[in-house]
Amino acid sequence: VEEVGVGRDLLKQRAFFPLTFPLTVGPGSISVAITIGAALSSTEKG
């Protein structure tokens, strides 16, 4: 019940760091995403 009053601003901060980065989307995911993006840009045309 005490935790219900936690401010949304604080929750937003926690949601991004550390819960989104680096826990959910970490350096491994970012590296793979960058590699995929580079592959799509270099191999596709038109």
ModelCIF file with pLDDT and N, C-alpha, C, O atoms, coordinates in Angstrom:
data_MODEL
#
_entry.id   MODEL 
#
_entity.id                         1 
_entity.type                       polymer 
_entity.pdbx_number_of_molecules   1 
#
_entity_poly.entity_id                      1 
_entity_poly.type                           'polypeptide(L)' 
_entity_poly.nstd_linkage                   no 
_entity_poly.nstd_monomer                   no 
_entity_poly.pdbx_seq_one_letter_code       VEEVGVGRDLLKQRAFFPLTFPLTVGPGSISVAITIGAALSSTEKG 
_entity_poly.pdbx_seq_one_letter_code_can   VEEVGVGRDLLKQRAFFPLTFPLTVGPGSISVAITIGAALSSTEKG 
_entity_poly.pdbx_strand_id                 A 
#
loop_
_entity_poly_seq.entity_id 
_entity_poly_seq.num 
_entity_poly_seq.mon_id 
_entity_poly_seq.hetero 
1 1  VAL n 
1 2  GLU n 
1 3  GLU n 
1 4  VAL n 
1 5  GLY n 
1 6  VAL n 
1 7  GLY n 
1 8  ARG n 
1 9  ASP n 
1 10 LEU n 
1 11 LEU n 
1 12 LYS n 
1 13 GLN n 
1 14 ARG n 
1 15 ALA n 
1 16 PHE n 
1 17 PHE n 
1 18 PRO n 
1 19 LEU n 
1 20 THR n 
1 21 PHE n 
1 22 PRO n 
1 23 LEU n 
1 24 THR n 
1 25 VAL n 
1 26 GLY n 
1 27 PRO n 
1 28 GLY n 
1 29 SER n 
1 30 ILE n 
1 31 SER n 
1 32 VAL n 
1 33 ALA n 
1 34 ILE n 
1 35 THR n 
1 36 ILE n 
1 37 GLY n 
1 38 ALA n 
1 39 ALA n 
1 40 LEU n 
1 41 SER n 
1 42 SER n 
1 43 THR n 
1 44 GLU n 
1 45 LYS n 
1 46 GLY n 
#
_struct_asym.id          A 
_struct_asym.entity_id   1 
#
loop_
_ma_qa_metric.id 
_ma_qa_metric.mode 
_ma_qa_metric.name 
_ma_qa_metric.software_group_id 
_ma_qa_metric.type 
1 global pLDDT . pLDDT 
2 local  pLDDT . pLDDT 
#
_ma_qa_metric_global.metric_id      1 
_ma_qa_metric_global.metric_value   78.76 
_ma_qa_metric_global.model_id       1 
_ma_qa_metric_global.ordinal_id     1 
#
loop_
_ma_qa_metric_local.label_asym_id 
_ma_qa_metric_local.label_comp_id 
_ma_qa_metric_local.label_seq_id 
_ma_qa_metric_local.metric_id 
_ma_qa_metric_local.metric_value 
_ma_qa_metric_local.model_id 
_ma_qa_metric_local.ordinal_id 
A VAL 1  2 42.00 1 1  
A GLU 2  2 44.00 1 2  
A GLU 3  2 47.00 1 3  
A VAL 4  2 48.00 1 4  
A GLY 5  2 47.00 1 5  
A VAL 6  2 53.00 1 6  
A GLY 7  2 72.00 1 7  
A ARG 8  2 78.00 1 8  
A ASP 9  2 83.00 1 9  
A LEU 10 2 88.00 1 10 
A LEU 11 2 89.00 1 11 
A LYS 12 2 88.00 1 12 
A GLN 13 2 90.00 1 13 
A ARG 14 2 90.00 1 14 
A ALA 15 2 94.00 1 15 
A PHE 16 2 94.00 1 16 
A PHE 17 2 90.00 1 17 
A PRO 18 2 87.00 1 18 
A LEU 19 2 93.00 1 19 
A THR 20 2 94.00 1 20 
A PHE 21 2 91.00 1 21 
A PRO 22 2 86.00 1 22 
A LEU 23 2 89.00 1 23 
A THR 24 2 93.00 1 24 
A VAL 25 2 93.00 1 25 
A GLY 26 2 86.00 1 26 
A PRO 27 2 84.00 1 27 
A GLY 28 2 83.00 1 28 
A SER 29 2 88.00 1 29 
A ILE 30 2 90.00 1 30 
A SER 31 2 85.00 1 31 
A VAL 32 2 86.00 1 32 
A ALA 33 2 90.00 1 33 
A ILE 34 2 88.00 1 34 
A THR 35 2 82.00 1 35 
A ILE 36 2 86.00 1 36 
A GLY 37 2 85.00 1 37 
A ALA 38 2 78.00 1 38 
A ALA 39 2 77.00 1 39 
A LEU 40 2 77.00 1 40 
A SER 41 2 73.00 1 41 
A SER 42 2 66.00 1 42 
A THR 43 2 62.00 1 43 
A GLU 44 2 62.00 1 44 
A LYS 45 2 66.00 1 45 
A GLY 46 2 66.00 1 46 
#
loop_
_atom_site.group_PDB 
_atom_site.id 
_atom_site.type_symbol 
_atom_site.label_atom_id 
_atom_site.label_alt_id 
_atom_site.label_comp_id 
_atom_site.label_asym_id 
_atom_site.label_entity_id 
_atom_site.label_seq_id 
_atom_site.pdbx_PDB_ins_code 
_atom_site.Cartn_x 
_atom_site.Cartn_y 
_atom_site.Cartn_z 
_atom_site.occupancy 
_atom_site.B_iso_or_equiv 
_atom_site.pdbx_formal_charge 
_atom_site.auth_seq_id 
_atom_site.auth_comp_id 
_atom_site.auth_asym_id 
_atom_site.auth_atom_id 
_atom_site.pdbx_PDB_model_num 
ATOM 1   N N  . VAL A 1 1  ? 0.830  -1.196 0.000   1.00 42.00 ? 1  VAL A N  1 
ATOM 2   C CA . VAL A 1 1  ? 0.000  0.000  0.000   1.00 42.00 ? 1  VAL A CA 1 
ATOM 3   C C  . VAL A 1 1  ? 0.869  1.252  0.000   1.00 42.00 ? 1  VAL A C  1 
ATOM 4   O O  . VAL A 1 1  ? 0.549  2.234  -0.669  1.00 42.00 ? 1  VAL A O  1 
ATOM 5   N N  . GLU A 1 2  ? 1.972  1.215  0.754   1.00 44.00 ? 2  GLU A N  1 
ATOM 6   C CA . GLU A 1 2  ? 2.876  2.353  0.802   1.00 44.00 ? 2  GLU A CA 1 
ATOM 7   C C  . GLU A 1 2  ? 3.481  2.659  -0.562  1.00 44.00 ? 2  GLU A C  1 
ATOM 8   O O  . GLU A 1 2  ? 3.719  3.817  -0.905  1.00 44.00 ? 2  GLU A O  1 
ATOM 9   N N  . GLU A 1 3  ? 3.730  1.591  -1.341  1.00 47.00 ? 3  GLU A N  1 
ATOM 10  C CA . GLU A 1 3  ? 4.385  1.777  -2.630  1.00 47.00 ? 3  GLU A CA 1 
ATOM 11  C C  . GLU A 1 3  ? 3.446  2.349  -3.685  1.00 47.00 ? 3  GLU A C  1 
ATOM 12  O O  . GLU A 1 3  ? 3.908  2.792  -4.736  1.00 47.00 ? 3  GLU A O  1 
ATOM 13  N N  . VAL A 1 4  ? 2.122  2.348  -3.425  1.00 48.00 ? 4  VAL A N  1 
ATOM 14  C CA . VAL A 1 4  ? 1.182  2.853  -4.423  1.00 48.00 ? 4  VAL A CA 1 
ATOM 15  C C  . VAL A 1 4  ? 1.445  4.327  -4.701  1.00 48.00 ? 4  VAL A C  1 
ATOM 16  O O  . VAL A 1 4  ? 1.207  4.806  -5.810  1.00 48.00 ? 4  VAL A O  1 
ATOM 17  N N  . GLY A 1 5  ? 1.933  5.043  -3.699  1.00 47.00 ? 5  GLY A N  1 
ATOM 18  C CA . GLY A 1 5  ? 2.130  6.472  -3.845  1.00 47.00 ? 5  GLY A CA 1 
ATOM 19  C C  . GLY A 1 5  ? 3.419  6.867  -4.513  1.00 47.00 ? 5  GLY A C  1 
ATOM 20  O O  . GLY A 1 5  ? 3.729  8.056  -4.580  1.00 47.00 ? 5  GLY A O  1 
ATOM 21  N N  . VAL A 1 6  ? 4.183  5.918  -5.009  1.00 53.00 ? 6  VAL A N  1 
ATOM 22  C CA . VAL A 1 6  ? 5.437  6.265  -5.681  1.00 53.00 ? 6  VAL A CA 1 
ATOM 23  C C  . VAL A 1 6  ? 5.143  7.129  -6.899  1.00 53.00 ? 6  VAL A C  1 
ATOM 24  O O  . VAL A 1 6  ? 4.268  6.791  -7.697  1.00 53.00 ? 6  VAL A O  1 
ATOM 25  N N  . GLY A 1 7  ? 5.864  8.242  -7.055  1.00 72.00 ? 7  GLY A N  1 
ATOM 26  C CA . GLY A 1 7  ? 5.607  9.179  -8.134  1.00 72.00 ? 7  GLY A CA 1 
ATOM 27  C C  . GLY A 1 7  ? 5.869  8.578  -9.498  1.00 72.00 ? 7  GLY A C  1 
ATOM 28  O O  . GLY A 1 7  ? 6.747  7.731  -9.666  1.00 72.00 ? 7  GLY A O  1 
ATOM 29  N N  . ARG A 1 8  ? 5.080  9.037  -10.482 1.00 78.00 ? 8  ARG A N  1 
ATOM 30  C CA . ARG A 1 8  ? 5.240  8.536  -11.845 1.00 78.00 ? 8  ARG A CA 1 
ATOM 31  C C  . ARG A 1 8  ? 6.587  8.945  -12.428 1.00 78.00 ? 8  ARG A C  1 
ATOM 32  O O  . ARG A 1 8  ? 7.178  8.191  -13.201 1.00 78.00 ? 8  ARG A O  1 
ATOM 33  N N  . ASP A 1 9  ? 7.079  10.127 -12.068 1.00 83.00 ? 9  ASP A N  1 
ATOM 34  C CA . ASP A 1 9  ? 8.373  10.555 -12.586 1.00 83.00 ? 9  ASP A CA 1 
ATOM 35  C C  . ASP A 1 9  ? 9.476  9.606  -12.151 1.00 83.00 ? 9  ASP A C  1 
ATOM 36  O O  . ASP A 1 9  ? 10.350 9.255  -12.944 1.00 83.00 ? 9  ASP A O  1 
ATOM 37  N N  . LEU A 1 10 ? 9.436  9.185  -10.878 1.00 88.00 ? 10 LEU A N  1 
ATOM 38  C CA . LEU A 1 10 ? 10.434 8.238  -10.385 1.00 88.00 ? 10 LEU A CA 1 
ATOM 39  C C  . LEU A 1 10 ? 10.301 6.895  -11.086 1.00 88.00 ? 10 LEU A C  1 
ATOM 40  O O  . LEU A 1 10 ? 11.303 6.260  -11.416 1.00 88.00 ? 10 LEU A O  1 
ATOM 41  N N  . LEU A 1 11 ? 9.063  6.462  -11.315 1.00 89.00 ? 11 LEU A N  1 
ATOM 42  C CA . LEU A 1 11 ? 8.846  5.198  -12.014 1.00 89.00 ? 11 LEU A CA 1 
ATOM 43  C C  . LEU A 1 11 ? 9.356  5.263  -13.448 1.00 89.00 ? 11 LEU A C  1 
ATOM 44  O O  . LEU A 1 11 ? 9.915  4.291  -13.956 1.00 89.00 ? 11 LEU A O  1 
ATOM 45  N N  . LYS A 1 12 ? 9.162  6.419  -14.106 1.00 88.00 ? 12 LYS A N  1 
ATOM 46  C CA . LYS A 1 12 ? 9.665  6.565  -15.474 1.00 88.00 ? 12 LYS A CA 1 
ATOM 47  C C  . LYS A 1 12 ? 11.186 6.463  -15.508 1.00 88.00 ? 12 LYS A C  1 
ATOM 48  O O  . LYS A 1 12 ? 11.757 5.845  -16.407 1.00 88.00 ? 12 LYS A O  1 
ATOM 49  N N  . GLN A 1 13 ? 11.829 7.071  -14.525 1.00 90.00 ? 13 GLN A N  1 
ATOM 50  C CA . GLN A 1 13 ? 13.287 6.996  -14.462 1.00 90.00 ? 13 GLN A CA 1 
ATOM 51  C C  . GLN A 1 13 ? 13.749 5.562  -14.252 1.00 90.00 ? 13 GLN A C  1 
ATOM 52  O O  . GLN A 1 13 ? 14.678 5.100  -14.915 1.00 90.00 ? 13 GLN A O  1 
ATOM 53  N N  . ARG A 1 14 ? 13.106 4.863  -13.336 1.00 90.00 ? 14 ARG A N  1 
ATOM 54  C CA . ARG A 1 14 ? 13.470 3.466  -13.086 1.00 90.00 ? 14 ARG A CA 1 
ATOM 55  C C  . ARG A 1 14 ? 13.162 2.596  -14.289 1.00 90.00 ? 14 ARG A C  1 
ATOM 56  O O  . ARG A 1 14 ? 13.875 1.631  -14.562 1.00 90.00 ? 14 ARG A O  1 
ATOM 57  N N  . ALA A 1 15 ? 12.087 2.940  -15.018 1.00 94.00 ? 15 ALA A N  1 
ATOM 58  C CA . ALA A 1 15 ? 11.713 2.143  -16.183 1.00 94.00 ? 15 ALA A CA 1 
ATOM 59  C C  . ALA A 1 15 ? 12.805 2.169  -17.242 1.00 94.00 ? 15 ALA A C  1 
ATOM 60  O O  . ALA A 1 15 ? 13.094 1.159  -17.883 1.00 94.00 ? 15 ALA A O  1 
ATOM 61  N N  . PHE A 1 16 ? 13.415 3.358  -17.415 1.00 94.00 ? 16 PHE A N  1 
ATOM 62  C CA . PHE A 1 16 ? 14.480 3.419  -18.417 1.00 94.00 ? 16 PHE A CA 1 
ATOM 63  C C  . PHE A 1 16 ? 15.788 2.862  -17.883 1.00 94.00 ? 16 PHE A C  1 
ATOM 64  O O  . PHE A 1 16 ? 16.411 2.003  -18.507 1.00 94.00 ? 16 PHE A O  1 
ATOM 65  N N  . PHE A 1 17 ? 16.207 3.366  -16.705 1.00 90.00 ? 17 PHE A N  1 
ATOM 66  C CA . PHE A 1 17 ? 17.449 2.878  -16.110 1.00 90.00 ? 17 PHE A CA 1 
ATOM 67  C C  . PHE A 1 17 ? 17.186 2.443  -14.678 1.00 90.00 ? 17 PHE A C  1 
ATOM 68  O O  . PHE A 1 17 ? 16.742 3.264  -13.875 1.00 90.00 ? 17 PHE A O  1 
ATOM 69  N N  . PRO A 1 18 ? 17.436 1.205  -14.326 1.00 87.00 ? 18 PRO A N  1 
ATOM 70  C CA . PRO A 1 18 ? 18.155 0.197  -15.116 1.00 87.00 ? 18 PRO A CA 1 
ATOM 71  C C  . PRO A 1 18 ? 17.264 -0.837 -15.807 1.00 87.00 ? 18 PRO A C  1 
ATOM 72  O O  . PRO A 1 18 ? 17.781 -1.778 -16.410 1.00 87.00 ? 18 PRO A O  1 
ATOM 73  N N  . LEU A 1 19 ? 15.910 -0.684 -15.732 1.00 93.00 ? 19 LEU A N  1 
ATOM 74  C CA . LEU A 1 19 ? 15.044 -1.781 -16.170 1.00 93.00 ? 19 LEU A CA 1 
ATOM 75  C C  . LEU A 1 19 ? 15.043 -1.967 -17.690 1.00 93.00 ? 19 LEU A C  1 
ATOM 76  O O  . LEU A 1 19 ? 15.048 -3.099 -18.174 1.00 93.00 ? 19 LEU A O  1 
ATOM 77  N N  . THR A 1 20 ? 15.037 -0.862 -18.447 1.00 94.00 ? 20 THR A N  1 
ATOM 78  C CA . THR A 1 20 ? 15.137 -1.009 -19.906 1.00 94.00 ? 20 THR A CA 1 
ATOM 79  C C  . THR A 1 20 ? 16.593 -1.167 -20.324 1.00 94.00 ? 20 THR A C  1 
ATOM 80  O O  . THR A 1 20 ? 16.971 -2.149 -20.963 1.00 94.00 ? 20 THR A O  1 
ATOM 81  N N  . PHE A 1 21 ? 17.401 -0.177 -19.950 1.00 91.00 ? 21 PHE A N  1 
ATOM 82  C CA . PHE A 1 21 ? 18.837 -0.253 -20.224 1.00 91.00 ? 21 PHE A CA 1 
ATOM 83  C C  . PHE A 1 21 ? 19.584 -0.212 -18.907 1.00 91.00 ? 21 PHE A C  1 
ATOM 84  O O  . PHE A 1 21 ? 19.384 0.726  -18.135 1.00 91.00 ? 21 PHE A O  1 
ATOM 85  N N  . PRO A 1 22 ? 20.437 -1.185 -18.611 1.00 86.00 ? 22 PRO A N  1 
ATOM 86  C CA . PRO A 1 22 ? 20.946 -2.216 -19.524 1.00 86.00 ? 22 PRO A CA 1 
ATOM 87  C C  . PRO A 1 22 ? 20.321 -3.593 -19.336 1.00 86.00 ? 22 PRO A C  1 
ATOM 88  O O  . PRO A 1 22 ? 20.805 -4.560 -19.924 1.00 86.00 ? 22 PRO A O  1 
ATOM 89  N N  . LEU A 1 23 ? 19.240 -3.719 -18.520 1.00 89.00 ? 23 LEU A N  1 
ATOM 90  C CA . LEU A 1 23 ? 18.741 -5.050 -18.187 1.00 89.00 ? 23 LEU A CA 1 
ATOM 91  C C  . LEU A 1 23 ? 17.970 -5.701 -19.324 1.00 89.00 ? 23 LEU A C  1 
ATOM 92  O O  . LEU A 1 23 ? 18.243 -6.850 -19.671 1.00 89.00 ? 23 LEU A O  1 
ATOM 93  N N  . THR A 1 24 ? 17.003 -4.984 -19.916 1.00 93.00 ? 24 THR A N  1 
ATOM 94  C CA . THR A 1 24 ? 16.186 -5.587 -20.977 1.00 93.00 ? 24 THR A CA 1 
ATOM 95  C C  . THR A 1 24 ? 16.839 -5.431 -22.342 1.00 93.00 ? 24 THR A C  1 
ATOM 96  O O  . THR A 1 24 ? 16.999 -6.410 -23.071 1.00 93.00 ? 24 THR A O  1 
ATOM 97  N N  . VAL A 1 25 ? 17.214 -4.212 -22.688 1.00 93.00 ? 25 VAL A N  1 
ATOM 98  C CA . VAL A 1 25 ? 17.960 -3.955 -23.925 1.00 93.00 ? 25 VAL A CA 1 
ATOM 99  C C  . VAL A 1 25 ? 19.377 -3.582 -23.510 1.00 93.00 ? 25 VAL A C  1 
ATOM 100 O O  . VAL A 1 25 ? 19.670 -2.420 -23.228 1.00 93.00 ? 25 VAL A O  1 
ATOM 101 N N  . GLY A 1 26 ? 20.228 -4.559 -23.479 1.00 86.00 ? 26 GLY A N  1 
ATOM 102 C CA . GLY A 1 26 ? 21.595 -4.354 -23.025 1.00 86.00 ? 26 GLY A CA 1 
ATOM 103 C C  . GLY A 1 26 ? 22.563 -4.153 -24.171 1.00 86.00 ? 26 GLY A C  1 
ATOM 104 O O  . GLY A 1 26 ? 22.151 -3.986 -25.319 1.00 86.00 ? 26 GLY A O  1 
ATOM 105 N N  . PRO A 1 27 ? 23.847 -4.169 -23.862 1.00 84.00 ? 27 PRO A N  1 
ATOM 106 C CA . PRO A 1 27 ? 24.859 -3.976 -24.913 1.00 84.00 ? 27 PRO A CA 1 
ATOM 107 C C  . PRO A 1 27 ? 24.811 -5.049 -25.983 1.00 84.00 ? 27 PRO A C  1 
ATOM 108 O O  . PRO A 1 27 ? 25.105 -4.777 -27.147 1.00 84.00 ? 27 PRO A O  1 
ATOM 109 N N  . GLY A 1 28 ? 24.442 -6.271 -25.603 1.00 83.00 ? 28 GLY A N  1 
ATOM 110 C CA . GLY A 1 28 ? 24.333 -7.329 -26.599 1.00 83.00 ? 28 GLY A CA 1 
ATOM 111 C C  . GLY A 1 28 ? 23.221 -7.055 -27.594 1.00 83.00 ? 28 GLY A C  1 
ATOM 112 O O  . GLY A 1 28 ? 23.414 -7.188 -28.803 1.00 83.00 ? 28 GLY A O  1 
ATOM 113 N N  . SER A 1 29 ? 22.048 -6.670 -27.081 1.00 88.00 ? 29 SER A N  1 
ATOM 114 C CA . SER A 1 29 ? 20.917 -6.360 -27.953 1.00 88.00 ? 29 SER A CA 1 
ATOM 115 C C  . SER A 1 29 ? 21.209 -5.163 -28.837 1.00 88.00 ? 29 SER A C  1 
ATOM 116 O O  . SER A 1 29 ? 20.865 -5.164 -30.019 1.00 88.00 ? 29 SER A O  1 
ATOM 117 N N  . ILE A 1 30 ? 21.843 -4.138 -28.275 1.00 90.00 ? 30 ILE A N  1 
ATOM 118 C CA . ILE A 1 30 ? 22.169 -2.947 -29.059 1.00 90.00 ? 30 ILE A CA 1 
ATOM 119 C C  . ILE A 1 30 ? 23.164 -3.281 -30.162 1.00 90.00 ? 30 ILE A C  1 
ATOM 120 O O  . ILE A 1 30 ? 23.028 -2.803 -31.288 1.00 90.00 ? 30 ILE A O  1 
ATOM 121 N N  . SER A 1 31 ? 24.164 -4.097 -29.843 1.00 85.00 ? 31 SER A N  1 
ATOM 122 C CA . SER A 1 31 ? 25.148 -4.500 -30.855 1.00 85.00 ? 31 SER A CA 1 
ATOM 123 C C  . SER A 1 31 ? 24.477 -5.248 -32.004 1.00 85.00 ? 31 SER A C  1 
ATOM 124 O O  . SER A 1 31 ? 24.770 -5.000 -33.173 1.00 85.00 ? 31 SER A O  1 
ATOM 125 N N  . VAL A 1 32 ? 23.567 -6.174 -31.656 1.00 86.00 ? 32 VAL A N  1 
ATOM 126 C CA . VAL A 1 32 ? 22.867 -6.941 -32.690 1.00 86.00 ? 32 VAL A CA 1 
ATOM 127 C C  . VAL A 1 32 ? 21.970 -6.017 -33.510 1.00 86.00 ? 32 VAL A C  1 
ATOM 128 O O  . VAL A 1 32 ? 21.904 -6.145 -34.732 1.00 86.00 ? 32 VAL A O  1 
ATOM 129 N N  . ALA A 1 33 ? 21.274 -5.081 -32.843 1.00 90.00 ? 33 ALA A N  1 
ATOM 130 C CA . ALA A 1 33 ? 20.391 -4.157 -33.562 1.00 90.00 ? 33 ALA A CA 1 
ATOM 131 C C  . ALA A 1 33 ? 21.181 -3.281 -34.525 1.00 90.00 ? 33 ALA A C  1 
ATOM 132 O O  . ALA A 1 33 ? 20.750 -3.059 -35.656 1.00 90.00 ? 33 ALA A O  1 
ATOM 133 N N  . ILE A 1 34 ? 22.324 -2.787 -34.088 1.00 88.00 ? 34 ILE A N  1 
ATOM 134 C CA . ILE A 1 34 ? 23.162 -1.972 -34.969 1.00 88.00 ? 34 ILE A CA 1 
ATOM 135 C C  . ILE A 1 34 ? 23.640 -2.790 -36.166 1.00 88.00 ? 34 ILE A C  1 
ATOM 136 O O  . ILE A 1 34 ? 23.660 -2.296 -37.293 1.00 88.00 ? 34 ILE A O  1 
ATOM 137 N N  . THR A 1 35 ? 24.022 -4.032 -35.919 1.00 82.00 ? 35 THR A N  1 
ATOM 138 C CA . THR A 1 35 ? 24.471 -4.914 -36.998 1.00 82.00 ? 35 THR A CA 1 
ATOM 139 C C  . THR A 1 35 ? 23.355 -5.198 -37.988 1.00 82.00 ? 35 THR A C  1 
ATOM 140 O O  . THR A 1 35 ? 23.579 -5.190 -39.198 1.00 82.00 ? 35 THR A O  1 
ATOM 141 N N  . ILE A 1 36 ? 22.147 -5.451 -37.479 1.00 86.00 ? 36 ILE A N  1 
ATOM 142 C CA . ILE A 1 36 ? 20.997 -5.702 -38.349 1.00 86.00 ? 36 ILE A CA 1 
ATOM 143 C C  . ILE A 1 36 ? 20.682 -4.471 -39.187 1.00 86.00 ? 36 ILE A C  1 
ATOM 144 O O  . ILE A 1 36 ? 20.429 -4.578 -40.387 1.00 86.00 ? 36 ILE A O  1 
ATOM 145 N N  . GLY A 1 37 ? 20.699 -3.297 -38.549 1.00 85.00 ? 37 GLY A N  1 
ATOM 146 C CA . GLY A 1 37 ? 20.428 -2.068 -39.281 1.00 85.00 ? 37 GLY A CA 1 
ATOM 147 C C  . GLY A 1 37 ? 21.436 -1.821 -40.387 1.00 85.00 ? 37 GLY A C  1 
ATOM 148 O O  . GLY A 1 37 ? 21.075 -1.399 -41.486 1.00 85.00 ? 37 GLY A O  1 
ATOM 149 N N  . ALA A 1 38 ? 22.708 -2.087 -40.091 1.00 78.00 ? 38 ALA A N  1 
ATOM 150 C CA . ALA A 1 38 ? 23.739 -1.919 -41.115 1.00 78.00 ? 38 ALA A CA 1 
ATOM 151 C C  . ALA A 1 38 ? 23.541 -2.908 -42.263 1.00 78.00 ? 38 ALA A C  1 
ATOM 152 O O  . ALA A 1 38 ? 23.743 -2.561 -43.427 1.00 78.00 ? 38 ALA A O  1 
ATOM 153 N N  . ALA A 1 39 ? 23.146 -4.140 -41.932 1.00 77.00 ? 39 ALA A N  1 
ATOM 154 C CA . ALA A 1 39 ? 22.918 -5.151 -42.964 1.00 77.00 ? 39 ALA A CA 1 
ATOM 155 C C  . ALA A 1 39 ? 21.732 -4.776 -43.851 1.00 77.00 ? 39 ALA A C  1 
ATOM 156 O O  . ALA A 1 39 ? 21.796 -4.943 -45.069 1.00 77.00 ? 39 ALA A O  1 
ATOM 157 N N  . LEU A 1 40 ? 20.657 -4.274 -43.258 1.00 77.00 ? 40 LEU A N  1 
ATOM 158 C CA . LEU A 1 40 ? 19.493 -3.880 -44.054 1.00 77.00 ? 40 LEU A CA 1 
ATOM 159 C C  . LEU A 1 40 ? 19.815 -2.707 -44.969 1.00 77.00 ? 40 LEU A C  1 
ATOM 160 O O  . LEU A 1 40 ? 19.347 -2.656 -46.107 1.00 77.00 ? 40 LEU A O  1 
ATOM 161 N N  . SER A 1 41 ? 20.609 -1.771 -44.477 1.00 73.00 ? 41 SER A N  1 
ATOM 162 C CA . SER A 1 41 ? 20.946 -0.595 -45.282 1.00 73.00 ? 41 SER A CA 1 
ATOM 163 C C  . SER A 1 41 ? 21.866 -0.928 -46.452 1.00 73.00 ? 41 SER A C  1 
ATOM 164 O O  . SER A 1 41 ? 21.774 -0.323 -47.520 1.00 73.00 ? 41 SER A O  1 
ATOM 165 N N  . SER A 1 42 ? 22.746 -1.890 -46.238 1.00 66.00 ? 42 SER A N  1 
ATOM 166 C CA . SER A 1 42 ? 23.753 -2.190 -47.260 1.00 66.00 ? 42 SER A CA 1 
ATOM 167 C C  . SER A 1 42 ? 23.283 -3.192 -48.301 1.00 66.00 ? 42 SER A C  1 
ATOM 168 O O  . SER A 1 42 ? 23.782 -3.196 -49.426 1.00 66.00 ? 42 SER A O  1 
ATOM 169 N N  . THR A 1 43 ? 22.321 -4.048 -47.936 1.00 62.00 ? 43 THR A N  1 
ATOM 170 C CA . THR A 1 43 ? 21.923 -5.116 -48.857 1.00 62.00 ? 43 THR A CA 1 
ATOM 171 C C  . THR A 1 43 ? 20.645 -4.803 -49.625 1.00 62.00 ? 43 THR A C  1 
ATOM 172 O O  . THR A 1 43 ? 20.399 -5.394 -50.677 1.00 62.00 ? 43 THR A O  1 
ATOM 173 N N  . GLU A 1 44 ? 19.827 -3.880 -49.114 1.00 62.00 ? 44 GLU A N  1 
ATOM 174 C CA . GLU A 1 44 ? 18.552 -3.590 -49.776 1.00 62.00 ? 44 GLU A CA 1 
ATOM 175 C C  . GLU A 1 44 ? 18.701 -2.419 -50.752 1.00 62.00 ? 44 GLU A C  1 
ATOM 176 O O  . GLU A 1 44 ? 19.581 -1.571 -50.599 1.00 62.00 ? 44 GLU A O  1 
ATOM 177 N N  . LYS A 1 45 ? 17.815 -2.394 -51.763 1.00 66.00 ? 45 LYS A N  1 
ATOM 178 C CA . LYS A 1 45 ? 17.815 -1.320 -52.746 1.00 66.00 ? 45 LYS A CA 1 
ATOM 179 C C  . LYS A 1 45 ? 16.383 -0.983 -53.135 1.00 66.00 ? 45 LYS A C  1 
ATOM 180 O O  . LYS A 1 45 ? 15.484 -1.816 -53.022 1.00 66.00 ? 45 LYS A O  1 
ATOM 181 N N  . GLY A 1 46 ? 16.183 0.237  -53.589 1.00 66.00 ? 46 GLY A N  1 
ATOM 182 C CA . GLY A 1 46 ? 14.896 0.651  -54.119 1.00 66.00 ? 46 GLY A CA 1 
ATOM 183 C C  . GLY A 1 46 ? 13.773 0.583  -53.110 1.00 66.00 ? 46 GLY A C  1 
ATOM 184 O O  . GLY A 1 46 ? 12.631 0.908  -53.434 1.00 66.00 ? 46 GLY A O  1 
#
